[in-house]
Each structure stands twice: as C-alpha cells, then as structure tokens.
Amino acid sequence: MSFKDKPKREGGKPFDRDRKDTAKPKKTFDLGPRPARKAAAPAAEATDATAGKPERISKILARAGVASRRDVERMIMDGRVRLNGQVLDTPVVNATLSDRIEVDGEPIR
C-alpha cells in the first residue's frame, strides 16, 4: 500500500488557510568599500596576562601536550610529576607558568 492508495481524511491541513504576510523586509547592503578591520592583538600579550594566573597543574600539562588531564592526574598519583623540585602527591595543586614543572625528570617548556 502506498500513500496514493490511502483514503483521504476529513478536514484540511493547517497550511491550507491563507497566511499573513510575515516576510521580513529585505536587507540592503552597501556595496561600497568596506572599512579597514582592527588589527588582532598579538598572542604574546595574551600569554603575559595569564602568566601570573594560577591554574591547575593538570590543565597546564595538558595544554603543554604532555597528556590529557586525566592521564596527568594518574601521572601525579604515580609520583612522576615535580613542581619546583617537590614530588606531587595530589593533582589538586595550582601552579603558574613561572613555576618549574618536571615530568619524569624532564622540564616542561
């Protein structure tokens, strides 16, 4: 049985009635020259602003490409991560980019 074979139901479809003209007014675009864009801020300024902000060490190491945050937390629990010469025993540590971070004896950055 196909749709053509089915009997029609009584009543009209809701879209059969006349619709109000709800069309939005058409936008006109100025085809003249565009104004010059503002220069993007250099990336160095963004890193300088965030250098003093403490972040979780797992986030810093994940951004550095060492491992994912969860894997970094496992590495910390295994005693493979040092912060300023001290072995970390918990991943709940905030660090800044100025701190010395080592993974398996190799410095990050």
PDB file of N, CA and C in Angstrom:
ATOM      1  N   MET A   1       0.850  -1.168   0.000  1.00  0.00           N
ATOM      2  CA  MET A   1       0.000   0.000   0.000  1.00  0.00           C
ATOM      3  C   MET A   1       0.898   1.234   0.000  1.00  0.00           C
ATOM      4  N   SER A   2       0.637   2.165  -0.854  1.00  0.00           N
ATOM      5  CA  SER A   2       1.415   3.396  -0.937  1.00  0.00           C
ATOM      6  C   SER A   2       0.565   4.558  -0.445  1.00  0.00           C
ATOM      7  N   PHE A   3       1.178   5.719  -0.361  1.00  0.00           N
ATOM      8  CA  PHE A   3       0.451   6.898   0.105  1.00  0.00           C
ATOM      9  C   PHE A   3      -0.690   7.262  -0.841  1.00  0.00           C
ATOM     10  N   LYS A   4      -0.523   6.992  -2.109  1.00  0.00           N
ATOM     11  CA  LYS A   4      -1.567   7.327  -3.077  1.00  0.00           C
ATOM     12  C   LYS A   4      -2.808   6.469  -2.876  1.00  0.00           C
ATOM     13  N   ASP A   5      -2.622   5.246  -2.375  1.00  0.00           N
ATOM     14  CA  ASP A   5      -3.740   4.324  -2.200  1.00  0.00           C
ATOM     15  C   ASP A   5      -4.535   4.589  -0.935  1.00  0.00           C
ATOM     16  N   LYS A   6      -3.992   5.336   0.015  1.00  0.00           N
ATOM     17  CA  LYS A   6      -4.682   5.562   1.280  1.00  0.00           C
ATOM     18  C   LYS A   6      -5.857   6.509   1.079  1.00  0.00           C
ATOM     19  N   PRO A   7      -6.935   6.270   1.825  1.00  0.00           N
ATOM     20  CA  PRO A   7      -8.085   7.185   1.707  1.00  0.00           C
ATOM     21  C   PRO A   7      -7.765   8.527   2.363  1.00  0.00           C
ATOM     22  N   LYS A   8      -8.314   9.595   1.828  1.00  0.00           N
ATOM     23  CA  LYS A   8      -8.097  10.941   2.363  1.00  0.00           C
ATOM     24  C   LYS A   8      -8.921  11.112   3.630  1.00  0.00           C
ATOM     25  N   ARG A   9      -8.394  11.821   4.586  1.00  0.00           N
ATOM     26  CA  ARG A   9      -9.103  12.107   5.827  1.00  0.00           C
ATOM     27  C   ARG A   9      -9.877  13.399   5.682  1.00  0.00           C
ATOM     28  N   GLU A  10     -10.877  13.520   6.532  1.00  0.00           N
ATOM     29  CA  GLU A  10     -11.661  14.745   6.510  1.00  0.00           C
ATOM     30  C   GLU A  10     -10.881  15.868   7.174  1.00  0.00           C
ATOM     31  N   GLY A  11     -11.199  17.074   6.794  1.00  0.00           N
ATOM     32  CA  GLY A  11     -10.550  18.238   7.388  1.00  0.00           C
ATOM     33  C   GLY A  11      -9.341  18.646   6.576  1.00  0.00           C
ATOM     34  N   GLY A  12      -9.116  19.909   6.572  1.00  0.00           N
ATOM     35  CA  GLY A  12      -7.997  20.426   5.806  1.00  0.00           C
ATOM     36  C   GLY A  12      -6.732  20.470   6.641  1.00  0.00           C
ATOM     37  N   LYS A  13      -5.656  20.603   5.968  1.00  0.00           N
ATOM     38  CA  LYS A  13      -4.383  20.729   6.653  1.00  0.00           C
ATOM     39  C   LYS A  13      -4.260  22.149   7.192  1.00  0.00           C
ATOM     40  N   PRO A  14      -3.524  22.346   8.260  1.00  0.00           N
ATOM     41  CA  PRO A  14      -3.424  23.693   8.832  1.00  0.00           C
ATOM     42  C   PRO A  14      -2.742  24.687   7.887  1.00  0.00           C
ATOM     43  N   PHE A  15      -2.019  24.204   6.887  1.00  0.00           N
ATOM     44  CA  PHE A  15      -1.329  25.112   5.984  1.00  0.00           C
ATOM     45  C   PHE A  15      -2.184  25.479   4.780  1.00  0.00           C
ATOM     46  N   ASP A  16      -3.418  24.984   4.733  1.00  0.00           N
ATOM     47  CA  ASP A  16      -4.292  25.313   3.611  1.00  0.00           C
ATOM     48  C   ASP A  16      -4.845  26.727   3.720  1.00  0.00           C
ATOM     49  N   ARG A  17      -4.945  27.270   4.926  1.00  0.00           N
ATOM     50  CA  ARG A  17      -5.521  28.601   5.087  1.00  0.00           C
ATOM     51  C   ARG A  17      -4.532  29.667   4.606  1.00  0.00           C
ATOM     52  N   ASP A  18      -5.049  30.836   4.371  1.00  0.00           N
ATOM     53  CA  ASP A  18      -4.209  31.928   3.892  1.00  0.00           C
ATOM     54  C   ASP A  18      -3.277  32.375   5.007  1.00  0.00           C
ATOM     55  N   ARG A  19      -2.071  32.614   4.653  1.00  0.00           N
ATOM     56  CA  ARG A  19      -1.094  33.072   5.634  1.00  0.00           C
ATOM     57  C   ARG A  19      -0.986  34.579   5.575  1.00  0.00           C
ATOM     58  N   LYS A  20      -0.652  35.140   6.716  1.00  0.00           N
ATOM     59  CA  LYS A  20      -0.388  36.567   6.752  1.00  0.00           C
ATOM     60  C   LYS A  20       0.991  36.805   6.152  1.00  0.00           C
ATOM     61  N   ASP A  21       1.170  37.980   5.634  1.00  0.00           N
ATOM     62  CA  ASP A  21       2.464  38.311   5.065  1.00  0.00           C
ATOM     63  C   ASP A  21       3.428  38.611   6.214  1.00  0.00           C
ATOM     64  N   THR A  22       4.231  37.621   6.578  1.00  0.00           N
ATOM     65  CA  THR A  22       5.164  37.773   7.696  1.00  0.00           C
ATOM     66  C   THR A  22       6.603  37.870   7.215  1.00  0.00           C
ATOM     67  N   ALA A  23       6.772  38.090   5.956  1.00  0.00           N
ATOM     68  CA  ALA A  23       8.131  38.153   5.422  1.00  0.00           C
ATOM     69  C   ALA A  23       8.871  39.351   6.011  1.00  0.00           C
ATOM     70  N   LYS A  24      10.114  39.145   6.329  1.00  0.00           N
ATOM     71  CA  LYS A  24      10.933  40.222   6.865  1.00  0.00           C
ATOM     72  C   LYS A  24      11.294  41.168   5.728  1.00  0.00           C
ATOM     73  N   PRO A  25      11.486  42.418   6.049  1.00  0.00           N
ATOM     74  CA  PRO A  25      11.908  43.331   4.985  1.00  0.00           C
ATOM     75  C   PRO A  25      13.290  42.934   4.479  1.00  0.00           C
ATOM     76  N   LYS A  26      13.471  43.094   3.205  1.00  0.00           N
ATOM     77  CA  LYS A  26      14.750  42.712   2.616  1.00  0.00           C
ATOM     78  C   LYS A  26      15.829  43.696   3.045  1.00  0.00           C
ATOM     79  N   LYS A  27      16.988  43.156   3.305  1.00  0.00           N
ATOM     80  CA  LYS A  27      18.109  43.982   3.731  1.00  0.00           C
ATOM     81  C   LYS A  27      18.825  44.507   2.495  1.00  0.00           C
ATOM     82  N   THR A  28      19.226  45.725   2.585  1.00  0.00           N
ATOM     83  CA  THR A  28      20.017  46.284   1.502  1.00  0.00           C
ATOM     84  C   THR A  28      21.447  46.416   1.992  1.00  0.00           C
ATOM     85  N   PHE A  29      22.355  46.021   1.172  1.00  0.00           N
ATOM     86  CA  PHE A  29      23.756  46.052   1.540  1.00  0.00           C
ATOM     87  C   PHE A  29      24.463  47.118   0.723  1.00  0.00           C
ATOM     88  N   ASP A  30      25.300  47.831   1.392  1.00  0.00           N
ATOM     89  CA  ASP A  30      26.088  48.838   0.720  1.00  0.00           C
ATOM     90  C   ASP A  30      27.253  48.129   0.042  1.00  0.00           C
ATOM     91  N   LEU A  31      27.335  48.239  -1.248  1.00  0.00           N
ATOM     92  CA  LEU A  31      28.387  47.550  -1.980  1.00  0.00           C
ATOM     93  C   LEU A  31      29.651  48.387  -2.102  1.00  0.00           C
ATOM     94  N   GLY A  32      29.739  49.455  -1.347  1.00  0.00           N
ATOM     95  CA  GLY A  32      30.914  50.316  -1.373  1.00  0.00           C
ATOM     96  C   GLY A  32      32.087  49.663  -0.672  1.00  0.00           C
ATOM     97  N   PRO A  33      33.183  50.375  -0.553  1.00  0.00           N
ATOM     98  CA  PRO A  33      34.365  49.802   0.101  1.00  0.00           C
ATOM     99  C   PRO A  33      34.108  49.576   1.591  1.00  0.00           C
ATOM    100  N   ARG A  34      34.659  48.502   2.078  1.00  0.00           N
ATOM    101  CA  ARG A  34      34.495  48.166   3.493  1.00  0.00           C
ATOM    102  C   ARG A  34      35.516  48.923   4.330  1.00  0.00           C
ATOM    103  N   PRO A  35      35.147  49.224   5.575  1.00  0.00           N
ATOM    104  CA  PRO A  35      36.139  49.873   6.447  1.00  0.00           C
ATOM    105  C   PRO A  35      37.228  48.870   6.827  1.00  0.00           C
ATOM    106  N   ALA A  36      38.400  49.374   7.104  1.00  0.00           N
ATOM    107  CA  ALA A  36      39.527  48.512   7.462  1.00  0.00           C
ATOM    108  C   ALA A  36      39.256  47.847   8.807  1.00  0.00           C
ATOM    109  N   ARG A  37      39.669  46.604   8.923  1.00  0.00           N
ATOM    110  CA  ARG A  37      39.489  45.869  10.176  1.00  0.00           C
ATOM    111  C   ARG A  37      40.543  46.287  11.183  1.00  0.00           C
ATOM    112  N   LYS A  38      40.190  46.127  12.450  1.00  0.00           N
ATOM    113  CA  LYS A  38      41.151  46.408  13.509  1.00  0.00           C
ATOM    114  C   LYS A  38      42.188  45.291  13.530  1.00  0.00           C
ATOM    115  N   ALA A  39      43.395  45.637  13.843  1.00  0.00           N
ATOM    116  CA  ALA A  39      44.461  44.642  13.907  1.00  0.00           C
ATOM    117  C   ALA A  39      44.230  43.737  15.108  1.00  0.00           C
ATOM    118  N   ALA A  40      44.474  42.453  14.918  1.00  0.00           N
ATOM    119  CA  ALA A  40      44.306  41.492  16.004  1.00  0.00           C
ATOM    120  C   ALA A  40      45.409  41.699  17.037  1.00  0.00           C
ATOM    121  N   ALA A  41      45.057  41.482  18.296  1.00  0.00           N
ATOM    122  CA  ALA A  41      46.032  41.635  19.375  1.00  0.00           C
ATOM    123  C   ALA A  41      47.072  40.530  19.261  1.00  0.00           C
ATOM    124  N   PRO A  42      48.327  40.826  19.463  1.00  0.00           N
ATOM    125  CA  PRO A  42      49.356  39.789  19.387  1.00  0.00           C
ATOM    126  C   PRO A  42      49.154  38.739  20.470  1.00  0.00           C
ATOM    127  N   ALA A  43      49.532  37.521  20.155  1.00  0.00           N
ATOM    128  CA  ALA A  43      49.361  36.419  21.100  1.00  0.00           C
ATOM    129  C   ALA A  43      50.270  36.577  22.311  1.00  0.00           C
ATOM    130  N   ALA A  44      51.364  37.260  22.172  1.00  0.00           N
ATOM    131  CA  ALA A  44      52.300  37.426  23.287  1.00  0.00           C
ATOM    132  C   ALA A  44      51.660  38.201  24.434  1.00  0.00           C
ATOM    133  N   GLU A  45      50.816  39.172  24.116  1.00  0.00           N
ATOM    134  CA  GLU A  45      50.154  39.934  25.173  1.00  0.00           C
ATOM    135  C   GLU A  45      49.196  39.052  25.959  1.00  0.00           C
ATOM    136  N   ALA A  46      48.543  38.126  25.288  1.00  0.00           N
ATOM    137  CA  ALA A  46      47.601  37.244  25.967  1.00  0.00           C
ATOM    138  C   ALA A  46      48.331  36.315  26.929  1.00  0.00           C
ATOM    139  N   THR A  47      49.486  35.814  26.539  1.00  0.00           N
ATOM    140  CA  THR A  47      50.216  34.921  27.436  1.00  0.00           C
ATOM    141  C   THR A  47      50.809  35.685  28.607  1.00  0.00           C
ATOM    142  N   ASP A  48      51.189  36.951  28.400  1.00  0.00           N
ATOM    143  CA  ASP A  48      51.714  37.750  29.508  1.00  0.00           C
ATOM    144  C   ASP A  48      50.640  38.005  30.555  1.00  0.00           C
ATOM    145  N   ALA A  49      49.410  38.201  30.112  1.00  0.00           N
ATOM    146  CA  ALA A  49      48.325  38.481  31.046  1.00  0.00           C
ATOM    147  C   ALA A  49      47.972  37.253  31.871  1.00  0.00           C
ATOM    148  N   THR A  50      48.110  36.054  31.288  1.00  0.00           N
ATOM    149  CA  THR A  50      47.748  34.836  32.002  1.00  0.00           C
ATOM    150  C   THR A  50      48.938  34.203  32.714  1.00  0.00           C
ATOM    151  N   ALA A  51      50.128  34.776  32.590  1.00  0.00           N
ATOM    152  CA  ALA A  51      51.316  34.172  33.184  1.00  0.00           C
ATOM    153  C   ALA A  51      51.239  34.157  34.704  1.00  0.00           C
ATOM    154  N   GLY A  52      50.649  35.163  35.313  1.00  0.00           N
ATOM    155  CA  GLY A  52      50.590  35.225  36.757  1.00  0.00           C
ATOM    156  C   GLY A  52      49.374  34.542  37.347  1.00  0.00           C
ATOM    157  N   LYS A  53      48.453  34.104  36.506  1.00  0.00           N
ATOM    158  CA  LYS A  53      47.228  33.478  36.985  1.00  0.00           C
ATOM    159  C   LYS A  53      47.478  32.013  37.323  1.00  0.00           C
ATOM    160  N   PRO A  54      47.212  31.594  38.542  1.00  0.00           N
ATOM    161  CA  PRO A  54      47.409  30.178  38.864  1.00  0.00           C
ATOM    162  C   PRO A  54      46.317  29.303  38.246  1.00  0.00           C
ATOM    163  N   GLU A  55      46.744  28.160  37.716  1.00  0.00           N
ATOM    164  CA  GLU A  55      45.826  27.176  37.143  1.00  0.00           C
ATOM    165  C   GLU A  55      46.190  25.808  37.693  1.00  0.00           C
ATOM    166  N   ARG A  56      45.256  24.868  37.567  1.00  0.00           N
ATOM    167  CA  ARG A  56      45.538  23.505  37.994  1.00  0.00           C
ATOM    168  C   ARG A  56      46.700  22.959  37.180  1.00  0.00           C
ATOM    169  N   ILE A  57      47.542  22.197  37.835  1.00  0.00           N
ATOM    170  CA  ILE A  57      48.733  21.693  37.156  1.00  0.00           C
ATOM    171  C   ILE A  57      48.357  20.729  36.038  1.00  0.00           C
ATOM    172  N   SER A  58      47.258  20.006  36.200  1.00  0.00           N
ATOM    173  CA  SER A  58      46.839  19.088  35.141  1.00  0.00           C
ATOM    174  C   SER A  58      46.439  19.857  33.886  1.00  0.00           C
ATOM    175  N   LYS A  59      45.854  21.031  34.065  1.00  0.00           N
ATOM    176  CA  LYS A  59      45.465  21.859  32.922  1.00  0.00           C
ATOM    177  C   LYS A  59      46.699  22.399  32.206  1.00  0.00           C
ATOM    178  N   ILE A  60      47.694  22.832  32.975  1.00  0.00           N
ATOM    179  CA  ILE A  60      48.924  23.356  32.377  1.00  0.00           C
ATOM    180  C   ILE A  60      49.631  22.265  31.576  1.00  0.00           C
ATOM    181  N   LEU A  61      49.738  21.071  32.159  1.00  0.00           N
ATOM    182  CA  LEU A  61      50.427  19.981  31.470  1.00  0.00           C
ATOM    183  C   LEU A  61      49.642  19.498  30.256  1.00  0.00           C
ATOM    184  N   ALA A  62      48.322  19.523  30.340  1.00  0.00           N
ATOM    185  CA  ALA A  62      47.514  19.119  29.188  1.00  0.00           C
ATOM    186  C   ALA A  62      47.684  20.113  28.045  1.00  0.00           C
ATOM    187  N   ARG A  63      47.729  21.401  28.368  1.00  0.00           N
ATOM    188  CA  ARG A  63      47.941  22.414  27.327  1.00  0.00           C
ATOM    189  C   ARG A  63      49.336  22.321  26.724  1.00  0.00           C
ATOM    190  N   ALA A  64      50.305  21.871  27.525  1.00  0.00           N
ATOM    191  CA  ALA A  64      51.668  21.717  27.022  1.00  0.00           C
ATOM    192  C   ALA A  64      51.799  20.484  26.134  1.00  0.00           C
ATOM    193  N   GLY A  65      50.782  19.641  26.106  1.00  0.00           N
ATOM    194  CA  GLY A  65      50.797  18.471  25.234  1.00  0.00           C
ATOM    195  C   GLY A  65      51.409  17.242  25.862  1.00  0.00           C
ATOM    196  N   VAL A  66      51.544  17.224  27.177  1.00  0.00           N
ATOM    197  CA  VAL A  66      52.130  16.068  27.852  1.00  0.00           C
ATOM    198  C   VAL A  66      51.171  14.887  27.795  1.00  0.00           C
ATOM    199  N   ALA A  67      49.939  15.110  28.192  1.00  0.00           N
ATOM    200  CA  ALA A  67      48.910  14.068  28.202  1.00  0.00           C
ATOM    201  C   ALA A  67      47.571  14.745  28.462  1.00  0.00           C
ATOM    202  N   SER A  68      46.513  13.948  28.469  1.00  0.00           N
ATOM    203  CA  SER A  68      45.204  14.502  28.801  1.00  0.00           C
ATOM    204  C   SER A  68      45.159  14.803  30.296  1.00  0.00           C
ATOM    205  N   ARG A  69      44.165  15.553  30.710  1.00  0.00           N
ATOM    206  CA  ARG A  69      44.082  15.919  32.134  1.00  0.00           C
ATOM    207  C   ARG A  69      43.980  14.690  33.022  1.00  0.00           C
ATOM    208  N   ARG A  70      43.177  13.734  32.612  1.00  0.00           N
ATOM    209  CA  ARG A  70      43.019  12.525  33.434  1.00  0.00           C
ATOM    210  C   ARG A  70      44.317  11.737  33.503  1.00  0.00           C
ATOM    211  N   ASP A  71      45.012  11.641  32.367  1.00  0.00           N
ATOM    212  CA  ASP A  71      46.292  10.932  32.373  1.00  0.00           C
ATOM    213  C   ASP A  71      47.324  11.668  33.225  1.00  0.00           C
ATOM    214  N   VAL A  72      47.299  12.992  33.193  1.00  0.00           N
ATOM    215  CA  VAL A  72      48.219  13.775  34.026  1.00  0.00           C
ATOM    216  C   VAL A  72      47.928  13.516  35.495  1.00  0.00           C
ATOM    217  N   GLU A  73      46.654  13.430  35.859  1.00  0.00           N
ATOM    218  CA  GLU A  73      46.307  13.154  37.260  1.00  0.00           C
ATOM    219  C   GLU A  73      46.826  11.787  37.683  1.00  0.00           C
ATOM    220  N   ARG A  74      46.767  10.796  36.787  1.00  0.00           N
ATOM    221  CA  ARG A  74      47.322   9.475  37.098  1.00  0.00           C
ATOM    222  C   ARG A  74      48.844   9.558  37.258  1.00  0.00           C
ATOM    223  N   MET A  75      49.485  10.338  36.392  1.00  0.00           N
ATOM    224  CA  MET A  75      50.941  10.500  36.477  1.00  0.00           C
ATOM    225  C   MET A  75      51.333  11.149  37.803  1.00  0.00           C
ATOM    226  N   ILE A  76      50.538  12.097  38.262  1.00  0.00           N
ATOM    227  CA  ILE A  76      50.814  12.755  39.545  1.00  0.00           C
ATOM    228  C   ILE A  76      50.671  11.753  40.684  1.00  0.00           C
ATOM    229  N   MET A  77      49.626  10.943  40.634  1.00  0.00           N
ATOM    230  CA  MET A  77      49.416   9.947  41.690  1.00  0.00           C
ATOM    231  C   MET A  77      50.527   8.893  41.687  1.00  0.00           C
ATOM    232  N   ASP A  78      51.140   8.651  40.509  1.00  0.00           N
ATOM    233  CA  ASP A  78      52.250   7.703  40.419  1.00  0.00           C
ATOM    234  C   ASP A  78      53.578   8.326  40.848  1.00  0.00           C
ATOM    235  N   GLY A  79      53.595   9.639  41.131  1.00  0.00           N
ATOM    236  CA  GLY A  79      54.806  10.310  41.582  1.00  0.00           C
ATOM    237  C   GLY A  79      55.757  10.681  40.463  1.00  0.00           C
ATOM    238  N   ARG A  80      55.257  10.869  39.258  1.00  0.00           N
ATOM    239  CA  ARG A  80      56.105  11.183  38.104  1.00  0.00           C
ATOM    240  C   ARG A  80      56.242  12.684  37.852  1.00  0.00           C
ATOM    241  N   VAL A  81      55.493  13.516  38.592  1.00  0.00           N
ATOM    242  CA  VAL A  81      55.475  14.959  38.332  1.00  0.00           C
ATOM    243  C   VAL A  81      56.066  15.696  39.527  1.00  0.00           C
ATOM    244  N   ARG A  82      56.955  16.668  39.228  1.00  0.00           N
ATOM    245  CA  ARG A  82      57.558  17.510  40.262  1.00  0.00           C
ATOM    246  C   ARG A  82      57.194  18.959  39.986  1.00  0.00           C
ATOM    247  N   LEU A  83      56.912  19.694  41.055  1.00  0.00           N
ATOM    248  CA  LEU A  83      56.643  21.124  40.969  1.00  0.00           C
ATOM    249  C   LEU A  83      57.664  21.829  41.841  1.00  0.00           C
ATOM    250  N   ASN A  84      58.520  22.624  41.229  1.00  0.00           N
ATOM    251  CA  ASN A  84      59.589  23.344  41.934  1.00  0.00           C
ATOM    252  C   ASN A  84      60.445  22.396  42.777  1.00  0.00           C
ATOM    253  N   GLY A  85      60.739  21.213  42.232  1.00  0.00           N
ATOM    254  CA  GLY A  85      61.617  20.258  42.900  1.00  0.00           C
ATOM    255  C   GLY A  85      60.938  19.308  43.861  1.00  0.00           C
ATOM    256  N   GLN A  86      59.657  19.488  44.143  1.00  0.00           N
ATOM    257  CA  GLN A  86      58.954  18.610  45.080  1.00  0.00           C
ATOM    258  C   GLN A  86      58.013  17.684  44.308  1.00  0.00           C
ATOM    259  N   VAL A  87      58.045  16.399  44.666  1.00  0.00           N
ATOM    260  CA  VAL A  87      57.163  15.427  44.024  1.00  0.00           C
ATOM    261  C   VAL A  87      55.738  15.685  44.494  1.00  0.00           C
ATOM    262  N   LEU A  88      54.828  15.758  43.543  1.00  0.00           N
ATOM    263  CA  LEU A  88      53.423  15.999  43.887  1.00  0.00           C
ATOM    264  C   LEU A  88      52.754  14.688  44.255  1.00  0.00           C
ATOM    265  N   ASP A  89      51.911  14.737  45.281  1.00  0.00           N
ATOM    266  CA  ASP A  89      51.162  13.547  45.672  1.00  0.00           C
ATOM    267  C   ASP A  89      49.669  13.710  45.427  1.00  0.00           C
ATOM    268  N   THR A  90      49.250  14.899  45.025  1.00  0.00           N
ATOM    269  CA  THR A  90      47.840  15.142  44.738  1.00  0.00           C
ATOM    270  C   THR A  90      47.728  16.058  43.521  1.00  0.00           C
ATOM    271  N   PRO A  91      46.732  15.835  42.666  1.00  0.00           N
ATOM    272  CA  PRO A  91      46.563  16.699  41.492  1.00  0.00           C
ATOM    273  C   PRO A  91      45.881  18.025  41.806  1.00  0.00           C
ATOM    274  N   VAL A  92      45.492  18.217  43.071  1.00  0.00           N
ATOM    275  CA  VAL A  92      44.806  19.446  43.455  1.00  0.00           C
ATOM    276  C   VAL A  92      45.855  20.484  43.851  1.00  0.00           C
ATOM    277  N   VAL A  93      46.614  20.938  42.853  1.00  0.00           N
ATOM    278  CA  VAL A  93      47.675  21.912  43.070  1.00  0.00           C
ATOM    279  C   VAL A  93      47.561  22.965  41.984  1.00  0.00           C
ATOM    280  N   ASN A  94      47.605  24.221  42.398  1.00  0.00           N
ATOM    281  CA  ASN A  94      47.618  25.312  41.428  1.00  0.00           C
ATOM    282  C   ASN A  94      49.060  25.722  41.179  1.00  0.00           C
ATOM    283  N   ALA A  95      49.349  26.024  39.918  1.00  0.00           N
ATOM    284  CA  ALA A  95      50.690  26.455  39.542  1.00  0.00           C
ATOM    285  C   ALA A  95      50.569  27.574  38.525  1.00  0.00           C
ATOM    286  N   THR A  96      51.628  28.337  38.386  1.00  0.00           N
ATOM    287  CA  THR A  96      51.680  29.377  37.362  1.00  0.00           C
ATOM    288  C   THR A  96      52.692  28.948  36.308  1.00  0.00           C
ATOM    289  N   LEU A  97      52.726  29.691  35.226  1.00  0.00           N
ATOM    290  CA  LEU A  97      53.669  29.356  34.165  1.00  0.00           C
ATOM    291  C   LEU A  97      55.108  29.650  34.568  1.00  0.00           C
ATOM    292  N   SER A  98      55.298  30.414  35.632  1.00  0.00           N
ATOM    293  CA  SER A  98      56.657  30.707  36.095  1.00  0.00           C
ATOM    294  C   SER A  98      57.204  29.590  36.982  1.00  0.00           C
ATOM    295  N   ASP A  99      56.360  28.664  37.449  1.00  0.00           N
ATOM    296  CA  ASP A  99      56.824  27.546  38.267  1.00  0.00           C
ATOM    297  C   ASP A  99      57.586  26.547  37.397  1.00  0.00           C
ATOM    298  N   ARG A 100      58.522  25.838  38.020  1.00  0.00           N
ATOM    299  CA  ARG A 100      59.283  24.811  37.304  1.00  0.00           C
ATOM    300  C   ARG A 100      58.547  23.487  37.445  1.00  0.00           C
ATOM    301  N   ILE A 101      58.117  22.950  36.317  1.00  0.00           N
ATOM    302  CA  ILE A 101      57.365  21.697  36.297  1.00  0.00           C
ATOM    303  C   ILE A 101      58.188  20.663  35.546  1.00  0.00           C
ATOM    304  N   GLU A 102      58.340  19.477  36.154  1.00  0.00           N
ATOM    305  CA  GLU A 102      59.089  18.383  35.531  1.00  0.00           C
ATOM    306  C   GLU A 102      58.219  17.141  35.486  1.00  0.00           C
ATOM    307  N   VAL A 103      58.313  16.417  34.378  1.00  0.00           N
ATOM    308  CA  VAL A 103      57.639  15.126  34.238  1.00  0.00           C
ATOM    309  C   VAL A 103      58.713  14.106  33.907  1.00  0.00           C
ATOM    310  N   ASP A 104      58.848  13.092  34.736  1.00  0.00           N
ATOM    311  CA  ASP A 104      59.874  12.056  34.586  1.00  0.00           C
ATOM    312  C   ASP A 104      61.272  12.667  34.501  1.00  0.00           C
ATOM    313  N   GLY A 105      61.509  13.738  35.260  1.00  0.00           N
ATOM    314  CA  GLY A 105      62.816  14.373  35.310  1.00  0.00           C
ATOM    315  C   GLY A 105      63.101  15.352  34.186  1.00  0.00           C
ATOM    316  N   GLU A 106      62.191  15.504  33.222  1.00  0.00           N
ATOM    317  CA  GLU A 106      62.398  16.430  32.107  1.00  0.00           C
ATOM    318  C   GLU A 106      61.535  17.668  32.305  1.00  0.00           C
ATOM    319  N   PRO A 107      62.133  18.855  32.203  1.00  0.00           N
ATOM    320  CA  PRO A 107      61.342  20.083  32.392  1.00  0.00           C
ATOM    321  C   PRO A 107      60.356  20.298  31.242  1.00  0.00           C
ATOM    322  N   ILE A 108      59.223  20.881  31.581  1.00  0.00           N
ATOM    323  CA  ILE A 108      58.206  21.229  30.592  1.00  0.00           C
ATOM    324  C   ILE A 108      58.456  22.670  30.173  1.00  0.00           C
ATOM    325  N   ARG A 109      58.401  22.942  28.900  1.00  0.00           N
ATOM    326  CA  ARG A 109      58.670  24.251  28.270  1.00  0.00           C
ATOM    327  C   ARG A 109      60.113  24.489  28.139  1.00  0.00           C
TER     328      ARG A 109
END
